Amino acid sequence: MGIEIKGLTVPALLIKLDPNLTVEENISQLEKKLSSAIFKGSYAVLDYGGLDLNEEQIKRIEDLLKSHNTGILGYQNTKSTNKNISKPILEKKSLKIINKTLRSGQTVEYDGDILILGDVNPDAYVIASGSIIVMGALRGVVHAGANGDETAIIMALKLMPQQLRIGGYIARSPDSYEEVNQPEKAYIENNQIVIEKIK
């Protein structure tokens, strides 16, 4: 069947590796598909479909995506049966995908990573023990690493939250925002929340 690349929301892609192919064959197919100009400037969630990737192979895939101006937003594994995988970057927690916009007053809580294919409107709440990725505008209240995980991150195509928490750290929104035209991520560094653009 080969690898699949589907649009989540522009400019986000879901890249599904084919577990029936070797890692090398997947990388080769990915390289051919990424040569299309439509992928330039996009961001991807990589579904490795049960393939046992090592750190070097992960880096090769990330470098390949970067060379085509495609950034990695996160990982998921839809066919994992191995309970003993020791790669926390991939297997730390499962990923919950929410295929809608969260309206004011709605709350989502999940023990793992959350991927939202839509916006998070003001006064909507997202709470995750892992990381939070929003493929749209994040204007509500988000708490990643809610169980104290300070390695969790928050990413959004437009990062404009009312309040942003990672672990025990809180960042409140400024009084005024410049319109954000590229994805940003928030993470903890030197005991504070840092926000930077995703290149």
N, C-alpha and C. Protein backbone atom coordinates (compact mmCIF):
# COMPACT_ATOMS: atom_id res chain seq x y z
N MET A 1 0.82 -1.21 0.00
CA MET A 1 0.00 0.00 0.00
C MET A 1 0.86 1.25 0.00
N GLY A 2 1.95 1.23 0.76
CA GLY A 2 2.83 2.39 0.81
C GLY A 2 2.37 3.40 1.84
N ILE A 3 3.17 4.43 2.01
CA ILE A 3 2.84 5.43 3.02
C ILE A 3 1.69 6.31 2.53
N GLU A 4 0.95 6.86 3.48
CA GLU A 4 -0.15 7.76 3.16
C GLU A 4 0.14 9.13 3.73
N ILE A 5 -0.21 10.16 2.99
CA ILE A 5 -0.11 11.52 3.49
C ILE A 5 -1.47 12.17 3.31
N LYS A 6 -2.08 12.58 4.42
CA LYS A 6 -3.41 13.19 4.37
C LYS A 6 -3.36 14.57 4.99
N GLY A 7 -4.17 15.47 4.47
CA GLY A 7 -4.27 16.79 5.07
C GLY A 7 -5.15 16.73 6.31
N LEU A 8 -4.65 17.25 7.41
CA LEU A 8 -5.47 17.38 8.62
C LEU A 8 -6.22 18.70 8.52
N THR A 9 -5.50 19.78 8.67
CA THR A 9 -6.00 21.09 8.29
C THR A 9 -4.78 21.82 7.75
N VAL A 10 -4.96 22.56 6.69
CA VAL A 10 -3.81 23.23 6.10
C VAL A 10 -3.21 24.18 7.13
N PRO A 11 -1.89 24.23 7.36
CA PRO A 11 -0.89 23.47 6.62
C PRO A 11 -0.41 22.23 7.35
N ALA A 12 -1.33 21.44 7.94
CA ALA A 12 -0.93 20.28 8.72
C ALA A 12 -1.20 18.99 7.96
N LEU A 13 -0.28 18.03 8.09
CA LEU A 13 -0.39 16.76 7.40
C LEU A 13 -0.30 15.62 8.39
N LEU A 14 -0.98 14.52 8.08
CA LEU A 14 -0.79 13.28 8.81
C LEU A 14 -0.04 12.33 7.88
N ILE A 15 1.16 11.93 8.28
CA ILE A 15 1.98 11.02 7.47
C ILE A 15 1.93 9.65 8.13
N LYS A 16 1.33 8.67 7.43
CA LYS A 16 1.20 7.30 7.97
C LYS A 16 2.23 6.41 7.28
N LEU A 17 3.17 5.90 8.06
CA LEU A 17 4.13 4.95 7.51
C LEU A 17 3.46 3.60 7.31
N ASP A 18 3.99 2.80 6.39
CA ASP A 18 3.43 1.49 6.07
C ASP A 18 4.19 0.41 6.83
N PRO A 19 3.55 -0.27 7.80
CA PRO A 19 4.27 -1.28 8.59
C PRO A 19 4.67 -2.50 7.77
N ASN A 20 4.09 -2.67 6.55
CA ASN A 20 4.46 -3.80 5.70
C ASN A 20 5.73 -3.54 4.90
N LEU A 21 6.22 -2.31 4.95
CA LEU A 21 7.48 -1.96 4.29
C LEU A 21 8.58 -1.84 5.33
N THR A 22 9.82 -1.93 4.87
CA THR A 22 10.93 -1.69 5.79
C THR A 22 11.01 -0.20 6.07
N VAL A 23 11.76 0.15 7.10
CA VAL A 23 11.95 1.57 7.42
C VAL A 23 12.60 2.27 6.24
N GLU A 24 13.59 1.60 5.61
CA GLU A 24 14.27 2.21 4.46
C GLU A 24 13.30 2.48 3.32
N GLU A 25 12.41 1.53 3.06
CA GLU A 25 11.43 1.71 1.98
C GLU A 25 10.47 2.85 2.30
N ASN A 26 10.06 2.95 3.57
CA ASN A 26 9.20 4.06 3.98
C ASN A 26 9.90 5.40 3.77
N ILE A 27 11.16 5.48 4.18
CA ILE A 27 11.91 6.74 4.02
C ILE A 27 12.06 7.09 2.54
N SER A 28 12.32 6.08 1.71
CA SER A 28 12.46 6.31 0.27
C SER A 28 11.15 6.83 -0.33
N GLN A 29 10.03 6.21 0.05
CA GLN A 29 8.72 6.66 -0.45
C GLN A 29 8.40 8.07 0.04
N LEU A 30 8.73 8.32 1.30
CA LEU A 30 8.47 9.65 1.86
C LEU A 30 9.24 10.71 1.09
N GLU A 31 10.48 10.40 0.77
CA GLU A 31 11.30 11.37 0.02
C GLU A 31 10.68 11.69 -1.33
N LYS A 32 10.17 10.67 -2.02
CA LYS A 32 9.55 10.90 -3.34
C LYS A 32 8.30 11.77 -3.20
N LYS A 33 7.47 11.45 -2.18
CA LYS A 33 6.22 12.20 -2.03
C LYS A 33 6.47 13.64 -1.59
N LEU A 34 7.50 13.85 -0.79
CA LEU A 34 7.77 15.20 -0.28
C LEU A 34 8.35 16.12 -1.35
N SER A 35 8.77 15.55 -2.48
CA SER A 35 9.34 16.41 -3.52
C SER A 35 8.29 17.32 -4.15
N SER A 36 7.01 17.02 -3.90
CA SER A 36 5.94 17.89 -4.41
C SER A 36 5.95 19.22 -3.67
N ALA A 37 5.74 20.29 -4.41
CA ALA A 37 5.78 21.64 -3.83
C ALA A 37 4.67 21.88 -2.81
N ILE A 38 3.60 21.07 -2.83
CA ILE A 38 2.47 21.33 -1.91
C ILE A 38 2.84 21.10 -0.46
N PHE A 39 3.93 20.37 -0.21
CA PHE A 39 4.31 20.09 1.17
C PHE A 39 5.18 21.17 1.78
N LYS A 40 5.71 22.06 0.96
CA LYS A 40 6.62 23.07 1.48
C LYS A 40 5.89 23.99 2.45
N GLY A 41 6.50 24.22 3.61
CA GLY A 41 5.90 25.10 4.60
C GLY A 41 4.80 24.47 5.42
N SER A 42 4.66 23.14 5.34
CA SER A 42 3.62 22.46 6.12
C SER A 42 4.21 21.88 7.41
N TYR A 43 3.33 21.33 8.24
CA TYR A 43 3.72 20.72 9.51
C TYR A 43 3.05 19.36 9.60
N ALA A 44 3.76 18.37 10.13
CA ALA A 44 3.28 17.00 10.05
C ALA A 44 3.19 16.33 11.42
N VAL A 45 2.16 15.46 11.53
CA VAL A 45 2.10 14.47 12.61
C VAL A 45 2.48 13.14 11.98
N LEU A 46 3.45 12.46 12.54
CA LEU A 46 3.95 11.21 11.98
C LEU A 46 3.33 10.02 12.71
N ASP A 47 2.58 9.20 11.96
CA ASP A 47 2.03 7.96 12.50
C ASP A 47 2.92 6.83 12.00
N TYR A 48 3.67 6.21 12.92
CA TYR A 48 4.63 5.20 12.48
C TYR A 48 4.06 3.79 12.51
N GLY A 49 2.76 3.65 12.77
CA GLY A 49 2.02 2.42 12.51
C GLY A 49 2.61 1.13 13.04
N GLY A 50 3.26 1.17 14.20
CA GLY A 50 3.81 -0.05 14.77
C GLY A 50 5.23 -0.36 14.35
N LEU A 51 5.79 0.44 13.43
CA LEU A 51 7.18 0.22 13.03
C LEU A 51 8.10 0.50 14.22
N ASP A 52 9.13 -0.30 14.35
CA ASP A 52 10.08 -0.13 15.46
C ASP A 52 11.22 0.77 15.00
N LEU A 53 11.03 2.07 15.20
CA LEU A 53 12.03 3.05 14.76
C LEU A 53 13.06 3.29 15.84
N ASN A 54 14.34 3.36 15.44
CA ASN A 54 15.37 3.75 16.42
C ASN A 54 15.62 5.25 16.30
N GLU A 55 16.42 5.77 17.23
CA GLU A 55 16.63 7.23 17.27
C GLU A 55 17.25 7.76 15.98
N GLU A 56 18.16 6.98 15.39
CA GLU A 56 18.80 7.42 14.14
C GLU A 56 17.79 7.52 13.01
N GLN A 57 16.87 6.53 12.93
CA GLN A 57 15.86 6.56 11.88
C GLN A 57 14.88 7.71 12.09
N ILE A 58 14.52 7.97 13.35
CA ILE A 58 13.65 9.11 13.64
C ILE A 58 14.30 10.40 13.18
N LYS A 59 15.61 10.53 13.48
CA LYS A 59 16.33 11.75 13.09
C LYS A 59 16.39 11.87 11.58
N ARG A 60 16.59 10.76 10.87
CA ARG A 60 16.62 10.81 9.40
C ARG A 60 15.29 11.29 8.84
N ILE A 61 14.18 10.79 9.41
CA ILE A 61 12.87 11.22 8.94
C ILE A 61 12.65 12.71 9.23
N GLU A 62 13.03 13.13 10.45
CA GLU A 62 12.88 14.55 10.80
C GLU A 62 13.73 15.43 9.90
N ASP A 63 14.99 15.00 9.63
CA ASP A 63 15.87 15.78 8.76
C ASP A 63 15.32 15.84 7.34
N LEU A 64 14.74 14.72 6.88
CA LEU A 64 14.15 14.68 5.54
C LEU A 64 12.99 15.67 5.44
N LEU A 65 12.13 15.68 6.47
CA LEU A 65 11.01 16.61 6.47
C LEU A 65 11.51 18.06 6.50
N LYS A 66 12.52 18.31 7.35
CA LYS A 66 13.06 19.68 7.44
C LYS A 66 13.65 20.13 6.11
N SER A 67 14.29 19.20 5.39
CA SER A 67 14.92 19.57 4.11
C SER A 67 13.88 19.96 3.07
N HIS A 68 12.62 19.56 3.29
CA HIS A 68 11.53 19.97 2.39
C HIS A 68 10.63 21.02 3.07
N ASN A 69 11.22 21.73 4.05
CA ASN A 69 10.49 22.79 4.77
C ASN A 69 9.20 22.28 5.40
N THR A 70 9.23 21.05 5.89
CA THR A 70 8.09 20.49 6.61
C THR A 70 8.53 20.21 8.04
N GLY A 71 7.82 20.76 9.01
CA GLY A 71 8.18 20.58 10.41
C GLY A 71 7.39 19.44 11.05
N ILE A 72 7.96 18.84 12.11
CA ILE A 72 7.27 17.77 12.85
C ILE A 72 6.53 18.39 14.03
N LEU A 73 5.23 18.10 14.11
CA LEU A 73 4.42 18.59 15.24
C LEU A 73 4.29 17.53 16.33
N GLY A 74 4.31 16.26 15.95
CA GLY A 74 4.15 15.23 16.96
C GLY A 74 4.12 13.85 16.34
N TYR A 75 3.95 12.84 17.20
CA TYR A 75 3.97 11.44 16.78
C TYR A 75 2.74 10.72 17.31
N GLN A 76 2.32 9.69 16.58
CA GLN A 76 1.34 8.77 17.11
C GLN A 76 1.65 7.38 16.57
N ASN A 77 1.08 6.37 17.22
CA ASN A 77 1.32 4.99 16.82
C ASN A 77 0.00 4.24 16.88
N THR A 78 -0.63 4.03 15.72
CA THR A 78 -1.97 3.45 15.72
C THR A 78 -1.97 1.93 15.81
N LYS A 79 -0.82 1.28 15.68
CA LYS A 79 -0.84 -0.18 15.68
C LYS A 79 0.17 -0.78 16.64
N SER A 80 0.52 -0.07 17.69
CA SER A 80 1.54 -0.59 18.60
C SER A 80 1.00 -1.73 19.44
N THR A 81 1.72 -2.86 19.43
CA THR A 81 1.37 -3.97 20.32
C THR A 81 2.51 -4.27 21.27
N ASN A 82 3.62 -3.57 21.09
CA ASN A 82 4.80 -3.84 21.92
C ASN A 82 4.74 -2.97 23.17
N LYS A 83 4.62 -3.63 24.33
CA LYS A 83 4.51 -2.88 25.58
C LYS A 83 5.88 -2.49 26.13
N ASN A 84 6.94 -2.98 25.51
CA ASN A 84 8.27 -2.79 26.09
C ASN A 84 9.15 -1.84 25.28
N ILE A 85 8.54 -1.03 24.44
CA ILE A 85 9.35 -0.09 23.67
C ILE A 85 9.91 0.97 24.61
N SER A 86 11.19 1.25 24.46
CA SER A 86 11.85 2.11 25.44
C SER A 86 12.20 3.48 24.85
N LYS A 87 11.43 3.94 23.87
CA LYS A 87 11.72 5.23 23.25
C LYS A 87 10.67 6.23 23.71
N PRO A 88 10.97 7.01 24.76
CA PRO A 88 9.93 7.89 25.31
C PRO A 88 9.44 8.94 24.33
N ILE A 89 10.27 9.33 23.35
CA ILE A 89 9.83 10.36 22.39
C ILE A 89 8.60 9.87 21.63
N LEU A 90 8.51 8.55 21.40
CA LEU A 90 7.41 8.01 20.62
C LEU A 90 6.33 7.38 21.49
N GLU A 91 6.74 6.73 22.58
CA GLU A 91 5.80 5.89 23.31
C GLU A 91 5.45 6.44 24.69
N LYS A 92 5.74 7.70 24.92
CA LYS A 92 5.52 8.24 26.27
C LYS A 92 4.06 8.06 26.68
N LYS A 93 3.16 8.49 25.82
CA LYS A 93 1.74 8.36 26.11
C LYS A 93 1.01 8.23 24.78
N SER A 94 -0.22 7.77 24.86
CA SER A 94 -1.01 7.68 23.64
C SER A 94 -1.52 9.06 23.25
N LEU A 95 -1.96 9.17 22.01
CA LEU A 95 -2.40 10.46 21.47
C LEU A 95 -3.90 10.42 21.24
N LYS A 96 -4.62 11.39 21.81
CA LYS A 96 -6.07 11.51 21.58
C LYS A 96 -6.28 12.59 20.52
N ILE A 97 -6.99 12.24 19.44
CA ILE A 97 -7.26 13.20 18.37
C ILE A 97 -8.70 13.69 18.50
N ILE A 98 -8.87 15.00 18.57
CA ILE A 98 -10.20 15.62 18.65
C ILE A 98 -10.45 16.37 17.35
N ASN A 99 -11.40 15.87 16.56
CA ASN A 99 -11.60 16.38 15.22
C ASN A 99 -12.72 17.43 15.19
N LYS A 100 -12.55 18.48 16.00
CA LYS A 100 -13.56 19.55 16.01
C LYS A 100 -12.99 20.76 16.74
N THR A 101 -13.67 21.87 16.61
CA THR A 101 -13.33 23.07 17.35
C THR A 101 -13.99 23.00 18.73
N LEU A 102 -13.24 23.40 19.76
CA LEU A 102 -13.80 23.44 21.11
C LEU A 102 -14.41 24.81 21.35
N ARG A 103 -15.69 24.83 21.69
CA ARG A 103 -16.40 26.08 21.91
C ARG A 103 -16.25 26.51 23.36
N SER A 104 -16.62 27.76 23.61
CA SER A 104 -16.60 28.30 24.97
C SER A 104 -17.37 27.41 25.92
N GLY A 105 -16.77 27.10 27.07
CA GLY A 105 -17.42 26.27 28.06
C GLY A 105 -17.12 24.79 27.96
N GLN A 106 -16.57 24.34 26.82
CA GLN A 106 -16.25 22.93 26.67
C GLN A 106 -14.90 22.62 27.33
N THR A 107 -14.78 21.42 27.89
CA THR A 107 -13.55 20.99 28.54
C THR A 107 -13.15 19.62 28.02
N VAL A 108 -11.86 19.45 27.73
CA VAL A 108 -11.31 18.14 27.35
C VAL A 108 -10.19 17.82 28.32
N GLU A 109 -10.28 16.64 28.94
CA GLU A 109 -9.20 16.16 29.81
C GLU A 109 -8.77 14.79 29.32
N TYR A 110 -7.45 14.54 29.33
CA TYR A 110 -6.97 13.25 28.83
C TYR A 110 -5.62 12.92 29.45
N ASP A 111 -5.44 11.64 29.80
CA ASP A 111 -4.16 11.18 30.34
C ASP A 111 -3.29 10.74 29.17
N GLY A 112 -2.61 11.70 28.57
CA GLY A 112 -1.78 11.45 27.40
C GLY A 112 -1.63 12.75 26.63
N ASP A 113 -1.25 12.62 25.36
CA ASP A 113 -1.11 13.79 24.48
C ASP A 113 -2.43 14.05 23.76
N ILE A 114 -2.72 15.32 23.49
CA ILE A 114 -3.96 15.69 22.80
C ILE A 114 -3.62 16.45 21.52
N LEU A 115 -4.25 16.03 20.41
CA LEU A 115 -4.14 16.73 19.13
C LEU A 115 -5.53 17.21 18.76
N ILE A 116 -5.70 18.52 18.62
CA ILE A 116 -7.00 19.10 18.30
C ILE A 116 -6.98 19.61 16.86
N LEU A 117 -7.86 19.05 16.03
CA LEU A 117 -7.94 19.45 14.62
C LEU A 117 -9.01 20.53 14.48
N GLY A 118 -8.69 21.69 14.99
CA GLY A 118 -9.63 22.80 15.00
C GLY A 118 -9.12 23.86 15.95
N ASP A 119 -9.98 24.80 16.29
CA ASP A 119 -9.60 25.88 17.20
C ASP A 119 -9.98 25.54 18.64
N VAL A 120 -9.36 26.24 19.58
CA VAL A 120 -9.79 26.21 20.98
C VAL A 120 -10.24 27.63 21.29
N ASN A 121 -11.55 27.80 21.38
CA ASN A 121 -12.11 29.15 21.54
C ASN A 121 -11.93 29.66 22.97
N PRO A 122 -12.05 30.98 23.18
CA PRO A 122 -11.95 31.54 24.53
C PRO A 122 -12.91 30.82 25.49
N ASP A 123 -12.44 30.59 26.73
CA ASP A 123 -13.20 29.93 27.78
C ASP A 123 -13.46 28.44 27.53
N ALA A 124 -12.71 27.85 26.56
CA ALA A 124 -12.66 26.39 26.44
C ALA A 124 -11.40 25.93 27.17
N TYR A 125 -11.46 24.73 27.76
CA TYR A 125 -10.35 24.23 28.58
C TYR A 125 -9.82 22.92 28.02
N VAL A 126 -8.49 22.81 27.94
CA VAL A 126 -7.84 21.56 27.51
C VAL A 126 -6.80 21.20 28.57
N ILE A 127 -6.95 20.01 29.14
CA ILE A 127 -6.04 19.56 30.19
C ILE A 127 -5.49 18.19 29.79
N ALA A 128 -4.16 18.07 29.73
CA ALA A 128 -3.53 16.82 29.32
C ALA A 128 -2.36 16.51 30.24
N SER A 129 -2.15 15.20 30.51
CA SER A 129 -0.95 14.83 31.27
C SER A 129 0.29 14.93 30.39
N GLY A 130 0.08 14.91 29.06
CA GLY A 130 1.19 15.03 28.11
C GLY A 130 1.17 16.38 27.41
N SER A 131 1.53 16.36 26.13
CA SER A 131 1.60 17.59 25.33
C SER A 131 0.27 17.88 24.65
N ILE A 132 0.11 19.14 24.22
CA ILE A 132 -1.12 19.57 23.54
C ILE A 132 -0.73 20.22 22.22
N ILE A 133 -1.32 19.73 21.12
CA ILE A 133 -1.08 20.29 19.79
C ILE A 133 -2.42 20.76 19.24
N VAL A 134 -2.48 22.01 18.81
CA VAL A 134 -3.72 22.57 18.26
C VAL A 134 -3.48 22.98 16.82
N MET A 135 -4.20 22.32 15.89
CA MET A 135 -4.06 22.63 14.46
C MET A 135 -5.01 23.76 14.09
N GLY A 136 -4.90 24.85 14.80
CA GLY A 136 -5.76 25.99 14.58
C GLY A 136 -5.38 27.07 15.57
N ALA A 137 -6.32 27.93 15.90
CA ALA A 137 -6.07 29.02 16.84
C ALA A 137 -6.35 28.55 18.26
N LEU A 138 -5.40 28.78 19.14
CA LEU A 138 -5.55 28.43 20.55
C LEU A 138 -5.82 29.70 21.33
N ARG A 139 -7.09 29.89 21.71
CA ARG A 139 -7.49 31.13 22.40
C ARG A 139 -8.06 30.85 23.79
N GLY A 140 -8.11 29.59 24.19
CA GLY A 140 -8.70 29.24 25.47
C GLY A 140 -7.64 29.03 26.55
N VAL A 141 -7.94 28.13 27.48
CA VAL A 141 -7.06 27.83 28.62
C VAL A 141 -6.53 26.41 28.43
N VAL A 142 -5.20 26.26 28.46
CA VAL A 142 -4.61 24.93 28.27
C VAL A 142 -3.62 24.62 29.39
N HIS A 143 -3.62 23.35 29.80
CA HIS A 143 -2.69 22.89 30.82
C HIS A 143 -2.08 21.57 30.34
N ALA A 144 -0.83 21.63 29.88
CA ALA A 144 -0.09 20.43 29.49
C ALA A 144 0.74 19.97 30.68
N GLY A 145 1.08 18.67 30.69
CA GLY A 145 1.86 18.15 31.81
C GLY A 145 1.14 18.30 33.12
N ALA A 146 -0.19 18.07 33.10
CA ALA A 146 -1.02 18.34 34.28
C ALA A 146 -0.65 17.46 35.48
N ASN A 147 0.02 16.34 35.23
CA ASN A 147 0.45 15.47 36.33
C ASN A 147 1.86 15.83 36.81
N GLY A 148 2.37 16.98 36.35
CA GLY A 148 3.69 17.42 36.78
C GLY A 148 4.79 17.18 35.76
N ASP A 149 4.43 16.75 34.54
CA ASP A 149 5.43 16.49 33.50
C ASP A 149 5.93 17.81 32.90
N GLU A 150 7.13 18.20 33.28
CA GLU A 150 7.67 19.48 32.79
C GLU A 150 8.35 19.36 31.44
N THR A 151 8.35 18.16 30.85
CA THR A 151 8.88 18.00 29.48
C THR A 151 7.77 18.19 28.44
N ALA A 152 6.52 18.32 28.90
CA ALA A 152 5.40 18.49 27.97
C ALA A 152 5.52 19.83 27.24
N ILE A 153 4.97 19.88 26.04
CA ILE A 153 4.99 21.12 25.27
C ILE A 153 3.57 21.43 24.78
N ILE A 154 3.38 22.69 24.39
CA ILE A 154 2.12 23.13 23.79
C ILE A 154 2.46 23.76 22.44
N MET A 155 1.78 23.30 21.38
CA MET A 155 2.01 23.87 20.05
C MET A 155 0.67 24.26 19.43
N ALA A 156 0.68 25.33 18.65
CA ALA A 156 -0.53 25.74 17.95
C ALA A 156 -0.15 26.52 16.70
N LEU A 157 -1.03 26.46 15.69
CA LEU A 157 -0.79 27.25 14.49
C LEU A 157 -0.93 28.74 14.80
N LYS A 158 -1.84 29.06 15.74
CA LYS A 158 -1.95 30.43 16.26
C LYS A 158 -2.04 30.32 17.77
N LEU A 159 -0.99 30.72 18.47
CA LEU A 159 -0.90 30.54 19.91
C LEU A 159 -1.27 31.86 20.60
N MET A 160 -2.53 31.96 21.02
CA MET A 160 -3.04 33.18 21.66
C MET A 160 -3.89 32.83 22.86
N PRO A 161 -3.38 32.05 23.82
CA PRO A 161 -4.21 31.52 24.91
C PRO A 161 -4.57 32.57 25.95
N GLN A 162 -5.71 32.33 26.64
CA GLN A 162 -6.04 33.14 27.81
C GLN A 162 -5.08 32.81 28.94
N GLN A 163 -4.80 31.52 29.10
CA GLN A 163 -3.83 31.08 30.10
C GLN A 163 -3.17 29.81 29.60
N LEU A 164 -1.88 29.71 29.89
CA LEU A 164 -1.11 28.57 29.41
C LEU A 164 -0.34 28.00 30.60
N ARG A 165 -0.50 26.69 30.86
CA ARG A 165 0.19 26.05 31.98
C ARG A 165 0.93 24.82 31.49
N ILE A 166 2.15 24.66 31.97
CA ILE A 166 2.91 23.43 31.73
C ILE A 166 3.44 22.97 33.08
N GLY A 167 3.05 21.76 33.51
CA GLY A 167 3.42 21.31 34.85
C GLY A 167 2.88 22.30 35.87
N GLY A 168 3.77 22.82 36.71
CA GLY A 168 3.35 23.79 37.72
C GLY A 168 3.59 25.23 37.32
N TYR A 169 3.97 25.47 36.06
CA TYR A 169 4.28 26.83 35.59
C TYR A 169 3.10 27.42 34.84
N ILE A 170 2.87 28.71 35.05
CA ILE A 170 1.73 29.40 34.43
C ILE A 170 2.23 30.63 33.66
N ALA A 171 1.69 30.81 32.45
CA ALA A 171 1.92 32.04 31.69
C ALA A 171 0.57 32.61 31.31
N ARG A 172 0.35 33.85 31.64
CA ARG A 172 -0.92 34.48 31.28
C ARG A 172 -0.76 35.24 29.98
N SER A 173 -1.88 35.45 29.31
CA SER A 173 -1.81 36.13 28.02
C SER A 173 -1.53 37.62 28.22
N PRO A 174 -0.80 38.21 27.26
CA PRO A 174 -0.61 39.67 27.33
C PRO A 174 -1.92 40.39 27.04
N ASP A 175 -1.95 41.68 27.37
CA ASP A 175 -3.18 42.46 27.16
C ASP A 175 -3.53 42.56 25.68
N SER A 176 -2.50 42.60 24.83
CA SER A 176 -2.76 42.68 23.39
C SER A 176 -1.82 41.73 22.66
N TYR A 177 -2.32 41.17 21.57
CA TYR A 177 -1.56 40.22 20.75
C TYR A 177 -1.27 40.82 19.39
N GLU A 178 -0.07 40.55 18.89
CA GLU A 178 0.14 40.74 17.47
C GLU A 178 -0.43 39.50 16.78
N GLU A 179 -1.00 39.68 15.60
CA GLU A 179 -1.53 38.52 14.88
C GLU A 179 -0.38 37.58 14.55
N VAL A 180 -0.53 36.31 14.95
CA VAL A 180 0.52 35.32 14.75
C VAL A 180 0.29 34.62 13.42
N ASN A 181 1.30 34.62 12.56
CA ASN A 181 1.12 34.02 11.24
C ASN A 181 1.97 32.78 11.03
N GLN A 182 2.53 32.25 12.10
CA GLN A 182 3.21 30.98 11.97
C GLN A 182 3.11 30.22 13.28
N PRO A 183 3.22 28.88 13.21
CA PRO A 183 3.06 28.08 14.42
C PRO A 183 4.11 28.43 15.48
N GLU A 184 3.70 28.28 16.72
CA GLU A 184 4.61 28.51 17.84
C GLU A 184 4.49 27.35 18.82
N LYS A 185 5.52 27.17 19.61
CA LYS A 185 5.45 26.15 20.67
C LYS A 185 5.90 26.77 21.98
N ALA A 186 5.34 26.22 23.06
CA ALA A 186 5.67 26.68 24.41
C ALA A 186 6.25 25.49 25.17
N TYR A 187 7.31 25.74 25.94
CA TYR A 187 7.94 24.68 26.72
C TYR A 187 8.64 25.31 27.91
N ILE A 188 9.08 24.48 28.83
CA ILE A 188 9.76 24.99 30.02
C ILE A 188 11.27 24.98 29.80
N GLU A 189 11.88 26.11 30.09
CA GLU A 189 13.34 26.22 30.03
C GLU A 189 13.78 27.18 31.12
N ASN A 190 14.78 26.78 31.89
CA ASN A 190 15.29 27.61 32.99
C ASN A 190 14.16 28.07 33.93
N ASN A 191 13.31 27.12 34.29
CA ASN A 191 12.23 27.37 35.27
C ASN A 191 11.23 28.43 34.83
N GLN A 192 11.02 28.54 33.52
CA GLN A 192 9.96 29.43 33.04
C GLN A 192 9.43 28.92 31.71
N ILE A 193 8.24 29.37 31.34
CA ILE A 193 7.65 28.96 30.07
C ILE A 193 8.21 29.87 28.97
N VAL A 194 8.75 29.25 27.94
CA VAL A 194 9.33 29.94 26.79
C VAL A 194 8.45 29.67 25.58
N ILE A 195 8.20 30.71 24.79
CA ILE A 195 7.42 30.53 23.55
C ILE A 195 8.31 30.89 22.38
N GLU A 196 8.38 30.00 21.38
CA GLU A 196 9.19 30.30 20.21
C GLU A 196 8.47 29.86 18.94
N LYS A 197 8.81 30.51 17.84
CA LYS A 197 8.23 30.16 16.53
C LYS A 197 8.82 28.83 16.08
N ILE A 198 7.97 28.02 15.41
CA ILE A 198 8.43 26.76 14.82
C ILE A 198 8.95 27.06 13.43
N LYS A 199 10.22 26.81 13.23
CA LYS A 199 10.83 27.13 11.93
C LYS A 199 10.49 26.04 10.93
